[in-house]
Amino acid sequence: MSTEKKSIRELTKAEDQIMQILWQLKTAFVKDVIEKLPNPKPAYNTVSTIIRILEKKGFVSFKAYGKTHEYFPIIDKDEYSNYYLNSFMGRYFKGSFQDLVSFFAKENKMNVTEMEEMMKRVEKDLNKSD
């Protein structure tokens, strides 16, 4: 069981779905993860395999209780979100946050009032982090 940090890699859709649940639950057995998944529920072995892949990728570790394992995230959601957003911006918007915001404003047909509200929220969030 290694908890050393590995470089972050992008998650597949299935891996992301499992990580969202683990981030929410903080610690979980495979059966707990399955309970949170939408119907139709995947097989126990499928979820167990995905969690073991997440462990190999350095996202998850576990505490063993005999043959049973309790899993927990070792990369926090904010860390992955930051990595994913930067990767996404690099691929689609040449790393430009301005281009990203401009695209979403145009695609969502945001008016000036909505843009001002968004800017106020960003400013408020930036001031919180200081």
C-alpha atoms as a PDB file:
ATOM      1  CA  MET A   1       0.000   0.000   0.000  1.00  0.00           C
ATOM      2  CA  SER A   2       1.851   3.043  -1.271  1.00  0.00           C
ATOM      3  CA  THR A   3       0.708   6.572  -0.462  1.00  0.00           C
ATOM      4  CA  GLU A   4       3.548   8.353  -2.216  1.00  0.00           C
ATOM      5  CA  LYS A   5       2.331  11.064  -4.575  1.00  0.00           C
ATOM      6  CA  LYS A   6       2.355  10.192  -8.229  1.00  0.00           C
ATOM      7  CA  SER A   7       1.858  12.613 -11.072  1.00  0.00           C
ATOM      8  CA  ILE A   8      -1.824  13.205 -11.674  1.00  0.00           C
ATOM      9  CA  ARG A   9      -3.339  11.603 -14.734  1.00  0.00           C
ATOM     10  CA  GLU A  10      -6.744  12.238 -16.243  1.00  0.00           C
ATOM     11  CA  LEU A  11      -9.510   9.926 -15.109  1.00  0.00           C
ATOM     12  CA  THR A  12     -11.804   7.955 -17.379  1.00  0.00           C
ATOM     13  CA  LYS A  13     -15.543   8.588 -17.048  1.00  0.00           C
ATOM     14  CA  ALA A  14     -15.977   5.438 -14.900  1.00  0.00           C
ATOM     15  CA  GLU A  15     -12.989   6.328 -12.704  1.00  0.00           C
ATOM     16  CA  ASP A  16     -14.287   9.871 -12.251  1.00  0.00           C
ATOM     17  CA  GLN A  17     -17.705   8.552 -11.230  1.00  0.00           C
ATOM     18  CA  ILE A  18     -16.112   6.347  -8.550  1.00  0.00           C
ATOM     19  CA  MET A  19     -13.825   9.169  -7.336  1.00  0.00           C
ATOM     20  CA  GLN A  20     -16.785  11.553  -6.999  1.00  0.00           C
ATOM     21  CA  ILE A  21     -18.363   9.024  -4.623  1.00  0.00           C
ATOM     22  CA  LEU A  22     -15.127   8.444  -2.677  1.00  0.00           C
ATOM     23  CA  TRP A  23     -14.609  12.209  -2.297  1.00  0.00           C
ATOM     24  CA  GLN A  24     -18.154  12.478  -0.994  1.00  0.00           C
ATOM     25  CA  LEU A  25     -17.947   9.515   1.409  1.00  0.00           C
ATOM     26  CA  LYS A  26     -14.300  10.110   2.494  1.00  0.00           C
ATOM     27  CA  THR A  27     -13.856   6.364   3.242  1.00  0.00           C
ATOM     28  CA  ALA A  28     -15.809   3.461   1.770  1.00  0.00           C
ATOM     29  CA  PHE A  29     -15.922  -0.231   1.122  1.00  0.00           C
ATOM     30  CA  VAL A  30     -16.749  -1.395  -2.421  1.00  0.00           C
ATOM     31  CA  LYS A  31     -20.348  -2.135  -1.346  1.00  0.00           C
ATOM     32  CA  ASP A  32     -20.717   1.481  -0.118  1.00  0.00           C
ATOM     33  CA  VAL A  33     -19.595   2.804  -3.503  1.00  0.00           C
ATOM     34  CA  ILE A  34     -22.017   0.497  -5.322  1.00  0.00           C
ATOM     35  CA  GLU A  35     -24.895   1.768  -3.144  1.00  0.00           C
ATOM     36  CA  LYS A  36     -24.228   5.336  -4.346  1.00  0.00           C
ATOM     37  CA  LEU A  37     -24.074   4.397  -8.054  1.00  0.00           C
ATOM     38  CA  PRO A  38     -27.200   4.853 -10.197  1.00  0.00           C
ATOM     39  CA  ASN A  39     -29.230   1.905 -11.466  1.00  0.00           C
ATOM     40  CA  PRO A  40     -28.509  -0.399 -13.129  1.00  0.00           C
ATOM     41  CA  LYS A  41     -25.790  -1.140 -10.569  1.00  0.00           C
ATOM     42  CA  PRO A  42     -22.503  -2.467 -11.977  1.00  0.00           C
ATOM     43  CA  ALA A  43     -21.140  -5.798 -10.762  1.00  0.00           C
ATOM     44  CA  TYR A  44     -19.095  -5.829  -7.555  1.00  0.00           C
ATOM     45  CA  ASN A  45     -16.029  -7.048  -9.491  1.00  0.00           C
ATOM     46  CA  THR A  46     -16.326  -4.150 -11.949  1.00  0.00           C
ATOM     47  CA  VAL A  47     -16.308  -1.531  -9.193  1.00  0.00           C
ATOM     48  CA  SER A  48     -13.537  -3.358  -7.341  1.00  0.00           C
ATOM     49  CA  THR A  49     -11.406  -3.403 -10.509  1.00  0.00           C
ATOM     50  CA  ILE A  50     -11.925   0.328 -11.112  1.00  0.00           C
ATOM     51  CA  ILE A  51     -10.952   1.105  -7.516  1.00  0.00           C
ATOM     52  CA  ARG A  52      -7.776  -0.990  -7.866  1.00  0.00           C
ATOM     53  CA  ILE A  53      -6.940   0.958 -11.056  1.00  0.00           C
ATOM     54  CA  LEU A  54      -7.453   4.193  -9.096  1.00  0.00           C
ATOM     55  CA  GLU A  55      -5.089   2.835  -6.462  1.00  0.00           C
ATOM     56  CA  LYS A  56      -2.433   2.112  -9.123  1.00  0.00           C
ATOM     57  CA  LYS A  57      -2.899   5.633 -10.533  1.00  0.00           C
ATOM     58  CA  GLY A  58      -2.246   7.071  -7.061  1.00  0.00           C
ATOM     59  CA  PHE A  59      -5.742   8.437  -6.388  1.00  0.00           C
ATOM     60  CA  VAL A  60      -6.815   5.949  -3.721  1.00  0.00           C
ATOM     61  CA  SER A  61      -5.296   3.995  -0.876  1.00  0.00           C
ATOM     62  CA  PHE A  62      -6.829   1.530   1.545  1.00  0.00           C
ATOM     63  CA  LYS A  63      -6.848   0.107   5.015  1.00  0.00           C
ATOM     64  CA  ALA A  64      -7.066  -3.692   5.105  1.00  0.00           C
ATOM     65  CA  TYR A  65      -9.327  -5.603   7.466  1.00  0.00           C
ATOM     66  CA  GLY A  66      -8.394  -9.170   6.625  1.00  0.00           C
ATOM     67  CA  LYS A  67      -9.500  -9.661   3.020  1.00  0.00           C
ATOM     68  CA  THR A  68     -11.754  -6.597   3.099  1.00  0.00           C
ATOM     69  CA  HIS A  69     -10.445  -3.168   2.116  1.00  0.00           C
ATOM     70  CA  GLU A  70     -11.696   0.258   3.130  1.00  0.00           C
ATOM     71  CA  TYR A  71     -10.725   2.781   0.463  1.00  0.00           C
ATOM     72  CA  PHE A  72     -10.058   6.488   0.779  1.00  0.00           C
ATOM     73  CA  PRO A  73      -8.883   9.233  -1.608  1.00  0.00           C
ATOM     74  CA  ILE A  74      -5.278  10.398  -1.359  1.00  0.00           C
ATOM     75  CA  ILE A  75      -5.679  13.132  -3.987  1.00  0.00           C
ATOM     76  CA  ASP A  76      -8.243  15.696  -2.964  1.00  0.00           C
ATOM     77  CA  LYS A  77     -11.012  16.873  -5.240  1.00  0.00           C
ATOM     78  CA  ASP A  78      -9.720  20.454  -5.513  1.00  0.00           C
ATOM     79  CA  GLU A  79      -6.266  19.220  -6.550  1.00  0.00           C
ATOM     80  CA  TYR A  80      -7.747  17.069  -9.323  1.00  0.00           C
ATOM     81  CA  SER A  81     -10.227  19.779 -10.375  1.00  0.00           C
ATOM     82  CA  ASN A  82      -7.354  22.255 -10.777  1.00  0.00           C
ATOM     83  CA  TYR A  83      -5.328  19.740 -12.813  1.00  0.00           C
ATOM     84  CA  TYR A  84      -8.327  18.835 -14.996  1.00  0.00           C
ATOM     85  CA  LEU A  85      -9.359  22.437 -15.648  1.00  0.00           C
ATOM     86  CA  ASN A  86      -5.802  23.442 -16.590  1.00  0.00           C
ATOM     87  CA  SER A  87      -5.532  20.420 -18.888  1.00  0.00           C
ATOM     88  CA  PHE A  88      -8.920  21.193 -20.453  1.00  0.00           C
ATOM     89  CA  MET A  89      -8.035  24.861 -20.967  1.00  0.00           C
ATOM     90  CA  GLY A  90      -4.719  23.871 -22.535  1.00  0.00           C
ATOM     91  CA  ARG A  91      -6.384  21.518 -25.011  1.00  0.00           C
ATOM     92  CA  TYR A  92      -9.361  23.671 -25.994  1.00  0.00           C
ATOM     93  CA  PHE A  93      -8.498  27.284 -25.175  1.00  0.00           C
ATOM     94  CA  LYS A  94      -4.699  27.465 -25.564  1.00  0.00           C
ATOM     95  CA  GLY A  95      -4.421  27.837 -21.793  1.00  0.00           C
ATOM     96  CA  SER A  96      -6.330  31.126 -21.850  1.00  0.00           C
ATOM     97  CA  PHE A  97      -8.863  31.659 -19.081  1.00  0.00           C
ATOM     98  CA  GLN A  98     -10.163  34.697 -20.995  1.00  0.00           C
ATOM     99  CA  ASP A  99     -10.878  32.538 -24.043  1.00  0.00           C
ATOM    100  CA  LEU A 100     -12.665  30.000 -21.837  1.00  0.00           C
ATOM    101  CA  VAL A 101     -14.889  32.631 -20.197  1.00  0.00           C
ATOM    102  CA  SER A 102     -15.552  34.308 -23.541  1.00  0.00           C
ATOM    103  CA  PHE A 103     -16.594  30.977 -25.067  1.00  0.00           C
ATOM    104  CA  PHE A 104     -19.014  30.169 -22.238  1.00  0.00           C
ATOM    105  CA  ALA A 105     -20.438  33.693 -22.224  1.00  0.00           C
ATOM    106  CA  LYS A 106     -21.074  33.521 -25.970  1.00  0.00           C
ATOM    107  CA  GLU A 107     -22.425  29.941 -25.962  1.00  0.00           C
ATOM    108  CA  ASN A 108     -24.753  30.650 -23.037  1.00  0.00           C
ATOM    109  CA  LYS A 109     -25.801  34.026 -24.487  1.00  0.00           C
ATOM    110  CA  MET A 110     -24.957  35.790 -21.233  1.00  0.00           C
ATOM    111  CA  ASN A 111     -26.134  39.360 -20.971  1.00  0.00           C
ATOM    112  CA  VAL A 112     -24.193  42.210 -19.359  1.00  0.00           C
ATOM    113  CA  THR A 113     -25.963  41.817 -16.003  1.00  0.00           C
ATOM    114  CA  GLU A 114     -25.101  38.107 -15.851  1.00  0.00           C
ATOM    115  CA  MET A 115     -21.480  38.901 -16.744  1.00  0.00           C
ATOM    116  CA  GLU A 116     -21.334  41.513 -13.972  1.00  0.00           C
ATOM    117  CA  GLU A 117     -22.750  39.008 -11.476  1.00  0.00           C
ATOM    118  CA  MET A 118     -20.160  36.452 -12.538  1.00  0.00           C
ATOM    119  CA  MET A 119     -17.359  39.012 -12.140  1.00  0.00           C
ATOM    120  CA  LYS A 120     -18.615  39.968  -8.650  1.00  0.00           C
ATOM    121  CA  ARG A 121     -18.636  36.300  -7.639  1.00  0.00           C
ATOM    122  CA  VAL A 122     -15.108  35.760  -8.982  1.00  0.00           C
ATOM    123  CA  GLU A 123     -13.886  38.874  -7.170  1.00  0.00           C
ATOM    124  CA  LYS A 124     -15.548  37.721  -3.936  1.00  0.00           C
ATOM    125  CA  ASP A 125     -13.968  34.262  -4.244  1.00  0.00           C
ATOM    126  CA  LEU A 126     -10.547  35.779  -4.957  1.00  0.00           C
ATOM    127  CA  ASN A 127     -10.818  38.022  -1.899  1.00  0.00           C
ATOM    128  CA  LYS A 128     -11.691  34.999   0.275  1.00  0.00           C
ATOM    129  CA  SER A 129      -8.472  33.244  -0.666  1.00  0.00           C
ATOM    130  CA  ASP A 130      -6.278  36.209   0.361  1.00  0.00           C
END
